[in-house]
């Protein structure tokens, strides 16, 4: 039970971080970006659930780890959009 609570704590923290970053991207598009973050989160959940229905649990965790590494490598090549924080910094 303790491990489930600990896992839930980290999962909820990760989700909170994702939605905390949403208004920092562009304030006037906060609703659209939050919608996309939620939608793609559900797409990921369904995708990994589909993989889980075809493989054993240890293989699923390897697939999740591989996907996390691929996403980490992809994120390293992203550039910060120009003017994204202008709306927040200008008073």
PDB file of N, CA and C in Angstrom:
ATOM      1  N   UNK A   1       0.834  -1.195   0.000  1.00  0.00           N
ATOM      2  CA  UNK A   1       0.000   0.000   0.000  1.00  0.00           C
ATOM      3  C   UNK A   1       0.878   1.258   0.000  1.00  0.00           C
ATOM      4  N   UNK A   2       1.950   1.211   0.796  1.00  0.00           N
ATOM      5  CA  UNK A   2       2.856   2.359   0.855  1.00  0.00           C
ATOM      6  C   UNK A   2       3.480   2.635  -0.516  1.00  0.00           C
ATOM      7  N   UNK A   3       3.892   1.582  -1.225  1.00  0.00           N
ATOM      8  CA  UNK A   3       4.494   1.761  -2.549  1.00  0.00           C
ATOM      9  C   UNK A   3       3.499   2.350  -3.545  1.00  0.00           C
ATOM     10  N   UNK A   4       2.241   1.940  -3.452  1.00  0.00           N
ATOM     11  CA  UNK A   4       1.218   2.514  -4.336  1.00  0.00           C
ATOM     12  C   UNK A   4       1.032   4.008  -4.064  1.00  0.00           C
ATOM     13  N   UNK A   5       1.007   4.369  -2.795  1.00  0.00           N
ATOM     14  CA  UNK A   5       0.871   5.792  -2.435  1.00  0.00           C
ATOM     15  C   UNK A   5       2.082   6.589  -2.894  1.00  0.00           C
ATOM     16  N   UNK A   6       3.278   6.018  -2.734  1.00  0.00           N
ATOM     17  CA  UNK A   6       4.495   6.696  -3.169  1.00  0.00           C
ATOM     18  C   UNK A   6       4.507   6.870  -4.695  1.00  0.00           C
ATOM     19  N   UNK A   7       4.115   5.827  -5.414  1.00  0.00           N
ATOM     20  CA  UNK A   7       4.044   5.913  -6.872  1.00  0.00           C
ATOM     21  C   UNK A   7       3.028   6.973  -7.298  1.00  0.00           C
ATOM     22  N   UNK A   8       1.881   6.982  -6.639  1.00  0.00           N
ATOM     23  CA  UNK A   8       0.852   7.970  -6.947  1.00  0.00           C
ATOM     24  C   UNK A   8       1.349   9.390  -6.697  1.00  0.00           C
ATOM     25  N   UNK A   9       2.131   9.572  -5.648  1.00  0.00           N
ATOM     26  CA  UNK A   9       2.688  10.886  -5.351  1.00  0.00           C
ATOM     27  C   UNK A   9       3.552  11.386  -6.508  1.00  0.00           C
ATOM     28  N   UNK A  10       4.419  10.532  -7.026  1.00  0.00           N
ATOM     29  CA  UNK A  10       5.294  10.938  -8.125  1.00  0.00           C
ATOM     30  C   UNK A  10       4.519  11.139  -9.427  1.00  0.00           C
ATOM     31  N   UNK A  11       3.519  10.298  -9.672  1.00  0.00           N
ATOM     32  CA  UNK A  11       2.705  10.463 -10.882  1.00  0.00           C
ATOM     33  C   UNK A  11       1.951  11.791 -10.838  1.00  0.00           C
ATOM     34  N   UNK A  12       1.325  12.077  -9.707  1.00  0.00           N
ATOM     35  CA  UNK A  12       0.574  13.328  -9.582  1.00  0.00           C
ATOM     36  C   UNK A  12       1.495  14.539  -9.660  1.00  0.00           C
ATOM     37  N   UNK A  13       2.695  14.420  -9.124  1.00  0.00           N
ATOM     38  CA  UNK A  13       3.665  15.519  -9.215  1.00  0.00           C
ATOM     39  C   UNK A  13       4.056  15.776 -10.663  1.00  0.00           C
ATOM     40  N   UNK A  14       4.280  14.708 -11.407  1.00  0.00           N
ATOM     41  CA  UNK A  14       4.616  14.858 -12.822  1.00  0.00           C
ATOM     42  C   UNK A  14       3.489  15.509 -13.611  1.00  0.00           C
ATOM     43  N   UNK A  15       2.269  15.113 -13.329  1.00  0.00           N
ATOM     44  CA  UNK A  15       1.126  15.722 -14.013  1.00  0.00           C
ATOM     45  C   UNK A  15       0.995  17.191 -13.641  1.00  0.00           C
ATOM     46  N   UNK A  16       1.223  17.513 -12.386  1.00  0.00           N
ATOM     47  CA  UNK A  16       1.156  18.907 -11.949  1.00  0.00           C
ATOM     48  C   UNK A  16       2.193  19.773 -12.630  1.00  0.00           C
ATOM     49  N   UNK A  17       3.380  19.222 -12.815  1.00  0.00           N
ATOM     50  CA  UNK A  17       4.441  19.970 -13.491  1.00  0.00           C
ATOM     51  C   UNK A  17       4.044  20.283 -14.924  1.00  0.00           C
ATOM     52  N   UNK A  18       3.461  19.302 -15.609  1.00  0.00           N
ATOM     53  CA  UNK A  18       3.052  19.518 -17.005  1.00  0.00           C
ATOM     54  C   UNK A  18       2.044  20.656 -17.088  1.00  0.00           C
ATOM     55  N   UNK A  19       1.036  20.641 -16.233  1.00  0.00           N
ATOM     56  CA  UNK A  19       0.012  21.678 -16.310  1.00  0.00           C
ATOM     57  C   UNK A  19       0.474  23.004 -15.722  1.00  0.00           C
ATOM     58  N   UNK A  20       1.515  23.004 -14.879  1.00  0.00           N
ATOM     59  CA  UNK A  20       2.056  24.260 -14.360  1.00  0.00           C
ATOM     60  C   UNK A  20       2.821  25.014 -15.440  1.00  0.00           C
ATOM     61  N   UNK A  21       3.387  24.300 -16.393  1.00  0.00           N
ATOM     62  CA  UNK A  21       4.159  24.920 -17.461  1.00  0.00           C
ATOM     63  C   UNK A  21       3.244  25.517 -18.530  1.00  0.00           C
ATOM     64  N   UNK A  22       2.015  25.027 -18.627  1.00  0.00           N
ATOM     65  CA  UNK A  22       1.101  25.448 -19.702  1.00  0.00           C
ATOM     66  C   UNK A  22       0.944  26.966 -19.789  1.00  0.00           C
ATOM     67  N   UNK A  23       0.654  27.703 -18.721  1.00  0.00           N
ATOM     68  CA  UNK A  23       0.473  29.151 -18.876  1.00  0.00           C
ATOM     69  C   UNK A  23       1.759  29.892 -19.221  1.00  0.00           C
ATOM     70  N   UNK A  24       2.900  29.267 -19.029  1.00  0.00           N
ATOM     71  CA  UNK A  24       4.163  29.925 -19.339  1.00  0.00           C
ATOM     72  C   UNK A  24       4.457  29.927 -20.836  1.00  0.00           C
ATOM     73  N   UNK A  25       3.771  29.115 -21.593  1.00  0.00           N
ATOM     74  CA  UNK A  25       4.047  29.030 -23.021  1.00  0.00           C
ATOM     75  C   UNK A  25       3.520  30.285 -23.719  1.00  0.00           C
ATOM     76  N   UNK A  26       2.252  30.554 -23.594  1.00  0.00           N
ATOM     77  CA  UNK A  26       1.647  31.771 -24.134  1.00  0.00           C
ATOM     78  C   UNK A  26       0.315  31.961 -23.421  1.00  0.00           C
ATOM     79  N   UNK A  27       0.196  33.032 -22.673  1.00  0.00           N
ATOM     80  CA  UNK A  27      -0.992  33.223 -21.834  1.00  0.00           C
ATOM     81  C   UNK A  27      -2.297  33.208 -22.631  1.00  0.00           C
ATOM     82  N   UNK A  28      -2.316  33.818 -23.774  1.00  0.00           N
ATOM     83  CA  UNK A  28      -3.585  33.901 -24.506  1.00  0.00           C
ATOM     84  C   UNK A  28      -4.007  32.568 -25.107  1.00  0.00           C
ATOM     85  N   UNK A  29      -3.089  31.598 -25.159  1.00  0.00           N
ATOM     86  CA  UNK A  29      -3.408  30.273 -25.688  1.00  0.00           C
ATOM     87  C   UNK A  29      -3.459  29.214 -24.598  1.00  0.00           C
ATOM     88  N   UNK A  30      -3.590  29.616 -23.354  1.00  0.00           N
ATOM     89  CA  UNK A  30      -3.533  28.675 -22.231  1.00  0.00           C
ATOM     90  C   UNK A  30      -4.575  27.574 -22.371  1.00  0.00           C
ATOM     91  N   UNK A  31      -5.792  27.912 -22.730  1.00  0.00           N
ATOM     92  CA  UNK A  31      -6.852  26.909 -22.854  1.00  0.00           C
ATOM     93  C   UNK A  31      -6.555  25.881 -23.922  1.00  0.00           C
ATOM     94  N   UNK A  32      -6.103  26.344 -25.075  1.00  0.00           N
ATOM     95  CA  UNK A  32      -5.798  25.427 -26.166  1.00  0.00           C
ATOM     96  C   UNK A  32      -4.621  24.522 -25.818  1.00  0.00           C
ATOM     97  N   UNK A  33      -3.596  25.080 -25.185  1.00  0.00           N
ATOM     98  CA  UNK A  33      -2.417  24.285 -24.846  1.00  0.00           C
ATOM     99  C   UNK A  33      -2.758  23.285 -23.735  1.00  0.00           C
ATOM    100  N   UNK A  34      -3.570  23.690 -22.764  1.00  0.00           N
ATOM    101  CA  UNK A  34      -3.987  22.767 -21.705  1.00  0.00           C
ATOM    102  C   UNK A  34      -4.810  21.626 -22.304  1.00  0.00           C
ATOM    103  N   UNK A  35      -5.655  21.954 -23.275  1.00  0.00           N
ATOM    104  CA  UNK A  35      -6.452  20.929 -23.950  1.00  0.00           C
ATOM    105  C   UNK A  35      -5.552  19.941 -24.681  1.00  0.00           C
ATOM    106  N   UNK A  36      -4.547  20.454 -25.378  1.00  0.00           N
ATOM    107  CA  UNK A  36      -3.629  19.566 -26.095  1.00  0.00           C
ATOM    108  C   UNK A  36      -2.828  18.702 -25.127  1.00  0.00           C
ATOM    109  N   UNK A  37      -2.385  19.270 -23.992  1.00  0.00           N
ATOM    110  CA  UNK A  37      -1.628  18.494 -23.001  1.00  0.00           C
ATOM    111  C   UNK A  37      -2.483  17.367 -22.435  1.00  0.00           C
ATOM    112  N   UNK A  38      -3.731  17.665 -22.125  1.00  0.00           N
ATOM    113  CA  UNK A  38      -4.637  16.631 -21.623  1.00  0.00           C
ATOM    114  C   UNK A  38      -4.947  15.574 -22.660  1.00  0.00           C
ATOM    115  N   UNK A  39      -5.171  16.007 -23.887  1.00  0.00           N
ATOM    116  CA  UNK A  39      -5.489  15.070 -24.962  1.00  0.00           C
ATOM    117  C   UNK A  39      -4.328  14.140 -25.246  1.00  0.00           C
ATOM    118  N   UNK A  40      -3.137  14.689 -25.375  1.00  0.00           N
ATOM    119  CA  UNK A  40      -1.985  13.838 -25.668  1.00  0.00           C
ATOM    120  C   UNK A  40      -1.628  12.952 -24.480  1.00  0.00           C
ATOM    121  N   UNK A  41      -1.949  13.367 -23.272  1.00  0.00           N
ATOM    122  CA  UNK A  41      -1.774  12.491 -22.115  1.00  0.00           C
ATOM    123  C   UNK A  41      -2.677  11.275 -22.210  1.00  0.00           C
ATOM    124  N   UNK A  42      -3.915  11.494 -22.645  1.00  0.00           N
ATOM    125  CA  UNK A  42      -4.840  10.374 -22.823  1.00  0.00           C
ATOM    126  C   UNK A  42      -4.407   9.477 -23.976  1.00  0.00           C
ATOM    127  N   UNK A  43      -3.886  10.068 -25.036  1.00  0.00           N
ATOM    128  CA  UNK A  43      -3.391   9.272 -26.166  1.00  0.00           C
ATOM    129  C   UNK A  43      -2.242   8.376 -25.708  1.00  0.00           C
ATOM    130  N   UNK A  44      -1.341   8.922 -24.897  1.00  0.00           N
ATOM    131  CA  UNK A  44      -0.239   8.121 -24.363  1.00  0.00           C
ATOM    132  C   UNK A  44      -0.740   6.996 -23.477  1.00  0.00           C
ATOM    133  N   UNK A  45      -1.723   7.293 -22.634  1.00  0.00           N
ATOM    134  CA  UNK A  45      -2.269   6.263 -21.748  1.00  0.00           C
ATOM    135  C   UNK A  45      -2.894   5.125 -22.540  1.00  0.00           C
ATOM    136  N   UNK A  46      -3.665   5.452 -23.556  1.00  0.00           N
ATOM    137  CA  UNK A  46      -4.299   4.418 -24.389  1.00  0.00           C
ATOM    138  C   UNK A  46      -3.242   3.638 -25.166  1.00  0.00           C
ATOM    139  N   UNK A  47      -2.221   4.334 -25.648  1.00  0.00           N
ATOM    140  CA  UNK A  47      -1.156   3.657 -26.404  1.00  0.00           C
ATOM    141  C   UNK A  47      -0.429   2.637 -25.536  1.00  0.00           C
ATOM    142  N   UNK A  48      -0.037   3.032 -24.328  1.00  0.00           N
ATOM    143  CA  UNK A  48       0.684   2.102 -23.458  1.00  0.00           C
ATOM    144  C   UNK A  48      -0.233   1.000 -22.940  1.00  0.00           C
ATOM    145  N   UNK A  49      -1.518   1.279 -22.777  1.00  0.00           N
ATOM    146  CA  UNK A  49      -2.456   0.233 -22.386  1.00  0.00           C
ATOM    147  C   UNK A  49      -2.600  -0.794 -23.502  1.00  0.00           C
ATOM    148  N   UNK A  50      -2.586  -0.316 -24.745  1.00  0.00           N
ATOM    149  CA  UNK A  50      -2.644  -1.235 -25.884  1.00  0.00           C
ATOM    150  C   UNK A  50      -1.392  -2.102 -25.937  1.00  0.00           C
ATOM    151  N   UNK A  51      -0.238  -1.499 -25.725  1.00  0.00           N
ATOM    152  CA  UNK A  51       1.008  -2.280 -25.685  1.00  0.00           C
ATOM    153  C   UNK A  51       0.941  -3.301 -24.557  1.00  0.00           C
ATOM    154  N   UNK A  52       0.407  -2.902 -23.413  1.00  0.00           N
ATOM    155  CA  UNK A  52       0.314  -3.799 -22.255  1.00  0.00           C
ATOM    156  C   UNK A  52      -0.559  -5.016 -22.551  1.00  0.00           C
ATOM    157  N   UNK A  53      -1.562  -4.846 -23.406  1.00  0.00           N
ATOM    158  CA  UNK A  53      -2.438  -5.976 -23.713  1.00  0.00           C
ATOM    159  C   UNK A  53      -1.743  -7.018 -24.594  1.00  0.00           C
ATOM    160  N   UNK A  54      -0.616  -6.666 -25.205  1.00  0.00           N
ATOM    161  CA  UNK A  54       0.094  -7.598 -26.079  1.00  0.00           C
ATOM    162  C   UNK A  54       1.382  -8.156 -25.486  1.00  0.00           C
ATOM    163  N   UNK A  55       1.921  -7.549 -24.445  1.00  0.00           N
ATOM    164  CA  UNK A  55       3.215  -7.977 -23.895  1.00  0.00           C
ATOM    165  C   UNK A  55       3.098  -8.212 -22.392  1.00  0.00           C
ATOM    166  N   UNK A  56       4.136  -8.817 -21.849  1.00  0.00           N
ATOM    167  CA  UNK A  56       4.221  -9.050 -20.404  1.00  0.00           C
ATOM    168  C   UNK A  56       4.618  -7.742 -19.685  1.00  0.00           C
ATOM    169  N   UNK A  57       4.306  -7.622 -18.396  1.00  0.00           N
ATOM    170  CA  UNK A  57       4.641  -6.383 -17.657  1.00  0.00           C
ATOM    171  C   UNK A  57       6.104  -5.955 -17.722  1.00  0.00           C
ATOM    172  N   UNK A  58       7.089  -6.866 -17.593  1.00  0.00           N
ATOM    173  CA  UNK A  58       8.488  -6.389 -17.687  1.00  0.00           C
ATOM    174  C   UNK A  58       8.805  -5.765 -19.049  1.00  0.00           C
ATOM    175  N   UNK A  59       8.226  -6.307 -20.103  1.00  0.00           N
ATOM    176  CA  UNK A  59       8.440  -5.750 -21.439  1.00  0.00           C
ATOM    177  C   UNK A  59       7.778  -4.380 -21.554  1.00  0.00           C
ATOM    178  N   UNK A  60       6.612  -4.232 -20.941  1.00  0.00           N
ATOM    179  CA  UNK A  60       5.926  -2.938 -20.964  1.00  0.00           C
ATOM    180  C   UNK A  60       6.792  -1.857 -20.323  1.00  0.00           C
ATOM    181  N   UNK A  61       7.421  -2.171 -19.189  1.00  0.00           N
ATOM    182  CA  UNK A  61       8.262  -1.177 -18.520  1.00  0.00           C
ATOM    183  C   UNK A  61       9.479  -0.824 -19.363  1.00  0.00           C
ATOM    184  N   UNK A  62       9.997  -1.786 -20.116  1.00  0.00           N
ATOM    185  CA  UNK A  62      11.098  -1.484 -21.034  1.00  0.00           C
ATOM    186  C   UNK A  62      10.624  -0.580 -22.172  1.00  0.00           C
ATOM    187  N   UNK A  63       9.403  -0.806 -22.648  1.00  0.00           N
ATOM    188  CA  UNK A  63       8.837   0.051 -23.703  1.00  0.00           C
ATOM    189  C   UNK A  63       8.641   1.471 -23.171  1.00  0.00           C
ATOM    190  N   UNK A  64       8.132   1.595 -21.958  1.00  0.00           N
ATOM    191  CA  UNK A  64       7.938   2.925 -21.359  1.00  0.00           C
ATOM    192  C   UNK A  64       9.285   3.619 -21.177  1.00  0.00           C
ATOM    193  N   UNK A  65      10.296   2.885 -20.693  1.00  0.00           N
ATOM    194  CA  UNK A  65      11.626   3.472 -20.515  1.00  0.00           C
ATOM    195  C   UNK A  65      12.213   3.904 -21.852  1.00  0.00           C
ATOM    196  N   UNK A  66      12.034   3.083 -22.877  1.00  0.00           N
ATOM    197  CA  UNK A  66      12.524   3.445 -24.216  1.00  0.00           C
ATOM    198  C   UNK A  66      11.832   4.682 -24.751  1.00  0.00           C
ATOM    199  N   UNK A  67      10.510   4.761 -24.547  1.00  0.00           N
ATOM    200  CA  UNK A  67       9.766   5.938 -25.004  1.00  0.00           C
ATOM    201  C   UNK A  67      10.227   7.184 -24.256  1.00  0.00           C
ATOM    202  N   UNK A  68      10.491   7.059 -22.959  1.00  0.00           N
ATOM    203  CA  UNK A  68      10.963   8.206 -22.181  1.00  0.00           C
ATOM    204  C   UNK A  68      12.321   8.681 -22.674  1.00  0.00           C
ATOM    205  N   UNK A  69      13.202   7.763 -23.014  1.00  0.00           N
ATOM    206  CA  UNK A  69      14.524   8.141 -23.530  1.00  0.00           C
ATOM    207  C   UNK A  69      14.406   8.825 -24.880  1.00  0.00           C
ATOM    208  N   UNK A  70      13.545   8.290 -25.750  1.00  0.00           N
ATOM    209  CA  UNK A  70      13.351   8.909 -27.069  1.00  0.00           C
ATOM    210  C   UNK A  70      12.796  10.321 -26.924  1.00  0.00           C
ATOM    211  N   UNK A  71      11.821  10.503 -26.041  1.00  0.00           N
ATOM    212  CA  UNK A  71      11.238  11.831 -25.824  1.00  0.00           C
ATOM    213  C   UNK A  71      12.272  12.778 -25.223  1.00  0.00           C
ATOM    214  N   UNK A  72      13.087  12.292 -24.296  1.00  0.00           N
ATOM    215  CA  UNK A  72      14.144  13.127 -23.711  1.00  0.00           C
ATOM    216  C   UNK A  72      15.115  13.593 -24.792  1.00  0.00           C
ATOM    217  N   UNK A  73      15.498  12.695 -25.677  1.00  0.00           N
ATOM    218  CA  UNK A  73      16.406  13.080 -26.765  1.00  0.00           C
ATOM    219  C   UNK A  73      15.745  14.076 -27.719  1.00  0.00           C
ATOM    220  N   UNK A  74      14.455  13.886 -27.988  1.00  0.00           N
ATOM    221  CA  UNK A  74      13.741  14.806 -28.877  1.00  0.00           C
ATOM    222  C   UNK A  74      13.616  16.195 -28.251  1.00  0.00           C
ATOM    223  N   UNK A  75      13.356  16.247 -26.951  1.00  0.00           N
ATOM    224  CA  UNK A  75      13.186  17.521 -26.261  1.00  0.00           C
ATOM    225  C   UNK A  75      14.494  18.311 -26.219  1.00  0.00           C
ATOM    226  N   UNK A  76      15.602  17.617 -26.223  1.00  0.00           N
ATOM    227  CA  UNK A  76      16.894  18.300 -26.172  1.00  0.00           C
ATOM    228  C   UNK A  76      17.135  19.166 -27.406  1.00  0.00           C
ATOM    229  N   UNK A  77      16.455  18.854 -28.510  1.00  0.00           N
ATOM    230  CA  UNK A  77      16.648  19.607 -29.743  1.00  0.00           C
ATOM    231  C   UNK A  77      15.630  20.723 -29.932  1.00  0.00           C
ATOM    232  N   UNK A  78      14.709  20.902 -28.993  1.00  0.00           N
ATOM    233  CA  UNK A  78      13.708  21.963 -29.114  1.00  0.00           C
ATOM    234  C   UNK A  78      14.327  23.318 -28.790  1.00  0.00           C
ATOM    235  N   UNK A  79      13.889  24.332 -29.505  1.00  0.00           N
ATOM    236  CA  UNK A  79      14.301  25.699 -29.212  1.00  0.00           C
ATOM    237  C   UNK A  79      13.156  26.417 -28.516  1.00  0.00           C
ATOM    238  N   UNK A  80      13.509  27.334 -27.611  1.00  0.00           N
ATOM    239  CA  UNK A  80      12.477  28.116 -26.948  1.00  0.00           C
ATOM    240  C   UNK A  80      11.889  29.101 -27.945  1.00  0.00           C
ATOM    241  N   UNK A  81      10.553  29.173 -28.031  1.00  0.00           N
ATOM    242  CA  UNK A  81       9.941  30.114 -28.968  1.00  0.00           C
ATOM    243  C   UNK A  81      10.295  31.553 -28.612  1.00  0.00           C
ATOM    244  N   UNK A  82      10.545  32.349 -29.625  1.00  0.00           N
ATOM    245  CA  UNK A  82      10.870  33.761 -29.407  1.00  0.00           C
ATOM    246  C   UNK A  82       9.622  34.508 -28.962  1.00  0.00           C
ATOM    247  N   UNK A  83       9.765  35.342 -27.943  1.00  0.00           N
ATOM    248  CA  UNK A  83       8.645  36.154 -27.488  1.00  0.00           C
ATOM    249  C   UNK A  83       7.628  35.420 -26.657  1.00  0.00           C
ATOM    250  N   UNK A  84       7.912  34.206 -26.200  1.00  0.00           N
ATOM    251  CA  UNK A  84       6.917  33.446 -25.449  1.00  0.00           C
ATOM    252  C   UNK A  84       6.673  34.032 -24.061  1.00  0.00           C
ATOM    253  N   UNK A  85       7.686  34.622 -23.450  1.00  0.00           N
ATOM    254  CA  UNK A  85       7.537  35.176 -22.119  1.00  0.00           C
ATOM    255  C   UNK A  85       7.305  36.692 -22.130  1.00  0.00           C
ATOM    256  N   UNK A  86       7.186  37.299 -23.283  1.00  0.00           N
ATOM    257  CA  UNK A  86       7.011  38.733 -23.376  1.00  0.00           C
ATOM    258  C   UNK A  86       5.740  39.183 -22.663  1.00  0.00           C
ATOM    259  N   UNK A  87       4.672  38.406 -22.805  1.00  0.00           N
ATOM    260  CA  UNK A  87       3.412  38.785 -22.193  1.00  0.00           C
ATOM    261  C   UNK A  87       3.508  38.800 -20.670  1.00  0.00           C
ATOM    262  N   UNK A  88       4.354  37.974 -20.095  1.00  0.00           N
ATOM    263  CA  UNK A  88       4.487  37.890 -18.640  1.00  0.00           C
ATOM    264  C   UNK A  88       5.435  38.965 -18.138  1.00  0.00           C
ATOM    265  N   UNK A  89       6.520  39.239 -18.864  1.00  0.00           N
ATOM    266  CA  UNK A  89       7.555  40.156 -18.378  1.00  0.00           C
ATOM    267  C   UNK A  89       7.185  41.614 -18.544  1.00  0.00           C
ATOM    268  N   UNK A  90       6.387  41.940 -19.551  1.00  0.00           N
ATOM    269  CA  UNK A  90       5.993  43.343 -19.778  1.00  0.00           C
ATOM    270  C   UNK A  90       4.777  43.663 -18.936  1.00  0.00           C
ATOM    271  N   UNK A  91       4.857  44.747 -18.187  1.00  0.00           N
ATOM    272  CA  UNK A  91       3.723  45.126 -17.329  1.00  0.00           C
ATOM    273  C   UNK A  91       2.935  46.248 -17.917  1.00  0.00           C
TER     274      UNK A  91
END
